[in-house]
C-alpha atoms as a PDB file:
ATOM      1  CA  MET A   1      49.903  -2.656 -11.894  1.00  0.00           C
ATOM      2  CA  PRO A   2      46.253  -2.805 -11.072  1.00  0.00           C
ATOM      3  CA  GLY A   3      45.140  -6.564 -10.104  1.00  0.00           C
ATOM      4  CA  VAL A   4      48.404  -8.133 -10.474  1.00  0.00           C
ATOM      5  CA  GLY A   5      48.521 -10.643  -7.411  1.00  0.00           C
ATOM      6  CA  ASN A   6      44.984  -9.453  -5.842  1.00  0.00           C
ATOM      7  CA  THR A   7      42.594 -12.389  -4.984  1.00  0.00           C
ATOM      8  CA  PRO A   8      39.369 -11.759  -7.192  1.00  0.00           C
ATOM      9  CA  SER A   9      38.174  -9.813  -3.622  1.00  0.00           C
ATOM     10  CA  GLN A  10      41.074  -7.419  -3.833  1.00  0.00           C
ATOM     11  CA  GLU A  11      41.351  -6.884  -7.313  1.00  0.00           C
ATOM     12  CA  ILE A  12      40.238  -3.170  -8.859  1.00  0.00           C
ATOM     13  CA  ILE A  13      37.478  -3.121 -11.044  1.00  0.00           C
ATOM     14  CA  TRP A  14      36.414   0.126 -11.357  1.00  0.00           C
ATOM     15  CA  ARG A  15      37.643   3.618 -10.904  1.00  0.00           C
ATOM     16  CA  GLY A  16      39.941   2.244  -7.968  1.00  0.00           C
ATOM     17  CA  MET A  17      37.612   0.388  -6.110  1.00  0.00           C
ATOM     18  CA  THR A  18      37.067  -3.386  -5.430  1.00  0.00           C
ATOM     19  CA  ARG A  19      34.063  -5.688  -5.864  1.00  0.00           C
ATOM     20  CA  ALA A  20      33.339  -5.417  -2.119  1.00  0.00           C
ATOM     21  CA  GLN A  21      33.911  -1.465  -2.366  1.00  0.00           C
ATOM     22  CA  LEU A  22      31.313  -1.094  -4.794  1.00  0.00           C
ATOM     23  CA  ASP A  23      28.881  -3.444  -3.374  1.00  0.00           C
ATOM     24  CA  ALA A  24      29.396  -1.389   0.105  1.00  0.00           C
ATOM     25  CA  ALA A  25      28.488   2.047  -1.698  1.00  0.00           C
ATOM     26  CA  TYR A  26      25.580   0.972  -3.524  1.00  0.00           C
ATOM     27  CA  ASN A  27      24.180  -0.909  -0.460  1.00  0.00           C
ATOM     28  CA  ASN A  28      21.746   1.835   0.569  1.00  0.00           C
ATOM     29  CA  THR A  29      19.954  -0.573   3.036  1.00  0.00           C
ATOM     30  CA  ALA A  30      23.051  -0.771   5.136  1.00  0.00           C
ATOM     31  CA  ALA A  31      24.229   2.757   5.071  1.00  0.00           C
ATOM     32  CA  VAL A  32      20.758   3.739   5.979  1.00  0.00           C
ATOM     33  CA  LYS A  33      20.360   3.486   9.752  1.00  0.00           C
ATOM     34  CA  ASN A  34      16.521   2.724   9.842  1.00  0.00           C
ATOM     35  CA  SER A  35      16.415   1.663   6.151  1.00  0.00           C
ATOM     36  CA  THR A  36      14.368  -1.583   7.129  1.00  0.00           C
ATOM     37  CA  GLU A  37      11.372   0.714   9.064  1.00  0.00           C
ATOM     38  CA  LYS A  38      11.457   3.418   6.235  1.00  0.00           C
ATOM     39  CA  LEU A  39      10.918   0.162   3.630  1.00  0.00           C
ATOM     40  CA  VAL A  40       7.956  -0.540   5.605  1.00  0.00           C
ATOM     41  CA  GLU A  41       6.491   2.636   5.975  1.00  0.00           C
ATOM     42  CA  TRP A  42       6.847   3.224   2.226  1.00  0.00           C
ATOM     43  CA  GLY A  43       5.134   0.016   1.788  1.00  0.00           C
ATOM     44  CA  GLN A  44       2.339   0.882   3.304  1.00  0.00           C
ATOM     45  CA  ARG A  45       1.862   4.416   2.330  1.00  0.00           C
ATOM     46  CA  SER A  46       2.178   3.020  -1.157  1.00  0.00           C
ATOM     47  CA  SER A  47      -0.808  -0.036  -0.445  1.00  0.00           C
ATOM     48  CA  ALA A  48      -2.976   2.742   1.050  1.00  0.00           C
ATOM     49  CA  LEU A  49      -2.460   4.908  -2.268  1.00  0.00           C
ATOM     50  CA  ARG A  50      -3.175   2.072  -4.276  1.00  0.00           C
ATOM     51  CA  THR A  51      -6.105   1.294  -2.380  1.00  0.00           C
ATOM     52  CA  LYS A  52      -7.531   4.782  -2.953  1.00  0.00           C
ATOM     53  CA  LEU A  53      -6.745   5.092  -6.917  1.00  0.00           C
ATOM     54  CA  PRO A  54      -7.375   1.439  -8.049  1.00  0.00           C
ATOM     55  CA  GLU A  55      -8.436   2.233 -11.419  1.00  0.00           C
ATOM     56  CA  LEU A  56      -5.705   2.419 -13.658  1.00  0.00           C
ATOM     57  CA  LEU A  57      -3.093  -0.461 -12.292  1.00  0.00           C
ATOM     58  CA  ASP A  58      -1.073  -2.921 -14.005  1.00  0.00           C
ATOM     59  CA  LEU A  59      -1.563  -1.143 -17.654  1.00  0.00           C
ATOM     60  CA  ARG A  60       0.478  -3.246 -20.232  1.00  0.00           C
ATOM     61  CA  TYR A  61       2.954  -1.163 -22.123  1.00  0.00           C
ATOM     62  CA  GLY A  62       5.090  -3.997 -23.489  1.00  0.00           C
ATOM     63  CA  PRO A  63       5.369  -7.837 -24.096  1.00  0.00           C
ATOM     64  CA  ARG A  64       7.729  -8.823 -20.977  1.00  0.00           C
ATOM     65  CA  ASP A  65       6.341  -9.797 -17.210  1.00  0.00           C
ATOM     66  CA  ARG A  66       7.251  -6.422 -15.842  1.00  0.00           C
ATOM     67  CA  ASN A  67       6.159  -3.713 -18.799  1.00  0.00           C
ATOM     68  CA  ARG A  68       3.543  -2.283 -16.969  1.00  0.00           C
ATOM     69  CA  ILE A  69       2.365   0.915 -15.584  1.00  0.00           C
ATOM     70  CA  ASP A  70       0.164   2.411 -13.042  1.00  0.00           C
ATOM     71  CA  VAL A  71      -1.195   5.327 -13.299  1.00  0.00           C
ATOM     72  CA  PHE A  72      -2.802   7.812 -10.661  1.00  0.00           C
ATOM     73  CA  ARG A  73      -4.871  10.749 -11.779  1.00  0.00           C
ATOM     74  CA  SER A  74      -5.073  13.669 -10.296  1.00  0.00           C
ATOM     75  CA  GLY A  75      -8.738  14.879 -10.939  1.00  0.00           C
ATOM     76  CA  GLN A  76      -7.217  17.898 -13.226  1.00  0.00           C
ATOM     77  CA  ALA A  77      -8.759  18.270 -16.573  1.00  0.00           C
ATOM     78  CA  ASN A  78      -5.488  18.432 -18.922  1.00  0.00           C
ATOM     79  CA  ALA A  79      -3.286  17.507 -16.397  1.00  0.00           C
ATOM     80  CA  PRO A  80       0.841  17.036 -17.238  1.00  0.00           C
ATOM     81  CA  LEU A  81       2.036  13.655 -16.774  1.00  0.00           C
ATOM     82  CA  PHE A  82       4.531  12.993 -14.475  1.00  0.00           C
ATOM     83  CA  VAL A  83       6.332   9.589 -15.012  1.00  0.00           C
ATOM     84  CA  PHE A  84       8.396   8.186 -12.143  1.00  0.00           C
ATOM     85  CA  ILE A  85      11.015   5.303 -12.993  1.00  0.00           C
ATOM     86  CA  HIS A  86      11.664   3.809  -9.787  1.00  0.00           C
ATOM     87  CA  GLY A  87      15.629   2.959  -8.771  1.00  0.00           C
ATOM     88  CA  GLY A  88      17.142   0.154  -6.870  1.00  0.00           C
ATOM     89  CA  TYR A  89      20.267   0.966  -9.286  1.00  0.00           C
ATOM     90  CA  TRP A  90      18.338  -1.260 -12.087  1.00  0.00           C
ATOM     91  CA  GLN A  91      18.554  -4.291  -9.818  1.00  0.00           C
ATOM     92  CA  ASN A  92      15.217  -3.618  -6.788  1.00  0.00           C
ATOM     93  CA  TYR A  93      12.062  -2.632  -6.302  1.00  0.00           C
ATOM     94  CA  THR A  94       9.146  -2.522  -7.823  1.00  0.00           C
ATOM     95  CA  LYS A  95       6.268  -0.050  -9.031  1.00  0.00           C
ATOM     96  CA  GLU A  96       4.406  -1.137  -6.008  1.00  0.00           C
ATOM     97  CA  ASP A  97       6.961  -0.133  -3.473  1.00  0.00           C
ATOM     98  CA  LEU A  98       7.289   3.072  -4.162  1.00  0.00           C
ATOM     99  CA  ALA A  99       3.905   4.346  -5.492  1.00  0.00           C
ATOM    100  CA  PHE A 100       3.524   6.798  -2.780  1.00  0.00           C
ATOM    101  CA  ILE A 101       6.014   9.156  -4.422  1.00  0.00           C
ATOM    102  CA  ALA A 102       2.662   9.935  -6.439  1.00  0.00           C
ATOM    103  CA  HIS A 103       1.562  11.697  -3.753  1.00  0.00           C
ATOM    104  CA  GLY A 104       3.616  14.389  -4.177  1.00  0.00           C
ATOM    105  CA  PRO A 105       2.865  15.531  -7.713  1.00  0.00           C
ATOM    106  CA  LEU A 106      -0.712  14.382  -7.434  1.00  0.00           C
ATOM    107  CA  ALA A 107      -0.914  16.982  -4.758  1.00  0.00           C
ATOM    108  CA  HIS A 108       0.314  19.925  -7.270  1.00  0.00           C
ATOM    109  CA  GLY A 109      -1.887  18.786 -10.542  1.00  0.00           C
ATOM    110  CA  PHE A 110      -0.185  16.308 -12.055  1.00  0.00           C
ATOM    111  CA  ASN A 111      -1.512  13.223 -13.348  1.00  0.00           C
ATOM    112  CA  VAL A 112       1.506  10.291 -12.072  1.00  0.00           C
ATOM    113  CA  ALA A 113       2.668   7.144 -13.859  1.00  0.00           C
ATOM    114  CA  LEU A 114       4.744   5.014 -12.160  1.00  0.00           C
ATOM    115  CA  ALA A 115       7.039   2.529 -14.807  1.00  0.00           C
ATOM    116  CA  GLU A 116       7.998  -1.338 -14.121  1.00  0.00           C
ATOM    117  CA  TYR A 117      10.939  -3.039 -16.404  1.00  0.00           C
ATOM    118  CA  THR A 118      12.633  -5.968 -16.326  1.00  0.00           C
ATOM    119  CA  LEU A 119      15.515  -5.775 -13.837  1.00  0.00           C
ATOM    120  CA  ALA A 120      19.063  -6.404 -14.238  1.00  0.00           C
ATOM    121  CA  PRO A 121      20.449  -9.239 -14.621  1.00  0.00           C
ATOM    122  CA  GLN A 122      17.625 -10.321 -16.442  1.00  0.00           C
ATOM    123  CA  ALA A 123      18.017  -7.937 -18.481  1.00  0.00           C
ATOM    124  CA  SER A 124      20.927  -5.124 -19.821  1.00  0.00           C
ATOM    125  CA  MET A 125      20.972  -1.529 -19.419  1.00  0.00           C
ATOM    126  CA  THR A 126      20.396  -1.365 -23.373  1.00  0.00           C
ATOM    127  CA  GLN A 127      17.065  -3.607 -23.064  1.00  0.00           C
ATOM    128  CA  ILE A 128      16.116  -1.417 -19.780  1.00  0.00           C
ATOM    129  CA  VAL A 129      16.184   1.714 -21.559  1.00  0.00           C
ATOM    130  CA  GLY A 130      14.383   0.335 -24.911  1.00  0.00           C
ATOM    131  CA  GLU A 131      11.691  -0.756 -22.331  1.00  0.00           C
ATOM    132  CA  ILE A 132      11.959   2.565 -20.949  1.00  0.00           C
ATOM    133  CA  ARG A 133      11.640   4.189 -24.520  1.00  0.00           C
ATOM    134  CA  SER A 134       8.858   1.855 -25.413  1.00  0.00           C
ATOM    135  CA  LEU A 135       6.973   3.046 -22.461  1.00  0.00           C
ATOM    136  CA  LEU A 136       7.354   6.483 -23.016  1.00  0.00           C
ATOM    137  CA  ASP A 137       5.939   5.938 -26.625  1.00  0.00           C
ATOM    138  CA  HIS A 138       2.919   3.869 -25.348  1.00  0.00           C
ATOM    139  CA  LEU A 139       2.046   6.988 -23.017  1.00  0.00           C
ATOM    140  CA  ALA A 140       2.363   9.632 -25.599  1.00  0.00           C
ATOM    141  CA  ALA A 141       0.034   7.567 -27.722  1.00  0.00           C
ATOM    142  CA  THR A 142      -2.535   6.807 -25.342  1.00  0.00           C
ATOM    143  CA  PRO A 143      -5.230   9.609 -24.594  1.00  0.00           C
ATOM    144  CA  LEU A 144      -6.924   7.854 -21.899  1.00  0.00           C
ATOM    145  CA  VAL A 145      -3.738   8.337 -20.145  1.00  0.00           C
ATOM    146  CA  VAL A 146      -2.373  11.077 -21.531  1.00  0.00           C
ATOM    147  CA  ASN A 147      -4.967  13.792 -22.114  1.00  0.00           C
ATOM    148  CA  SER A 148      -2.070  16.483 -22.975  1.00  0.00           C
ATOM    149  CA  GLN A 149       0.957  16.958 -24.543  1.00  0.00           C
ATOM    150  CA  ARG A 150       2.677  18.116 -21.329  1.00  0.00           C
ATOM    151  CA  PHE A 151       4.783  15.055 -19.895  1.00  0.00           C
ATOM    152  CA  THR A 152       8.355  14.500 -17.903  1.00  0.00           C
ATOM    153  CA  ALA A 153      10.099  11.389 -16.761  1.00  0.00           C
ATOM    154  CA  ALA A 154      11.846  11.113 -13.570  1.00  0.00           C
ATOM    155  CA  THR A 155      13.986   9.016 -11.244  1.00  0.00           C
ATOM    156  CA  PRO A 156      14.950   9.051  -7.945  1.00  0.00           C
ATOM    157  CA  ARG A 157      18.313  10.307  -8.992  1.00  0.00           C
ATOM    158  CA  SER A 158      16.832  13.059 -10.829  1.00  0.00           C
ATOM    159  CA  MET A 159      14.783  15.010  -7.931  1.00  0.00           C
END
């Protein structure tokens, strides 16, 4: 029987994996050889973009501390909106860390909204999904941000 006689670190907890195996599987920092350098580069690129396009940063969409968005405009009339929901397995990173992602959609005529939300374990997945739903409702109802009816959302996994 799984888990019987195993110490907590050896106990199978999900799909045949122990806690240590799961932690290793989700530790991209350890898995990517130059991850520290990449994170520094991303931070520099993100900071440069936020400095270049500071008009719509840290807009509130809800009551929690991290319920904020950054919006970057492409300069195109009636541009569609690309909403980026940062990854980090719902536990890491901020919209500020990954703002560089906006360069690609901006170059293709999209406005970009970068979402911030409460991270786990301070919020459950149900709460996080609720925050993202509130964000999308807010964006759809805010003409200052969305000047068209076309928008799409993406996470690192969907790109």
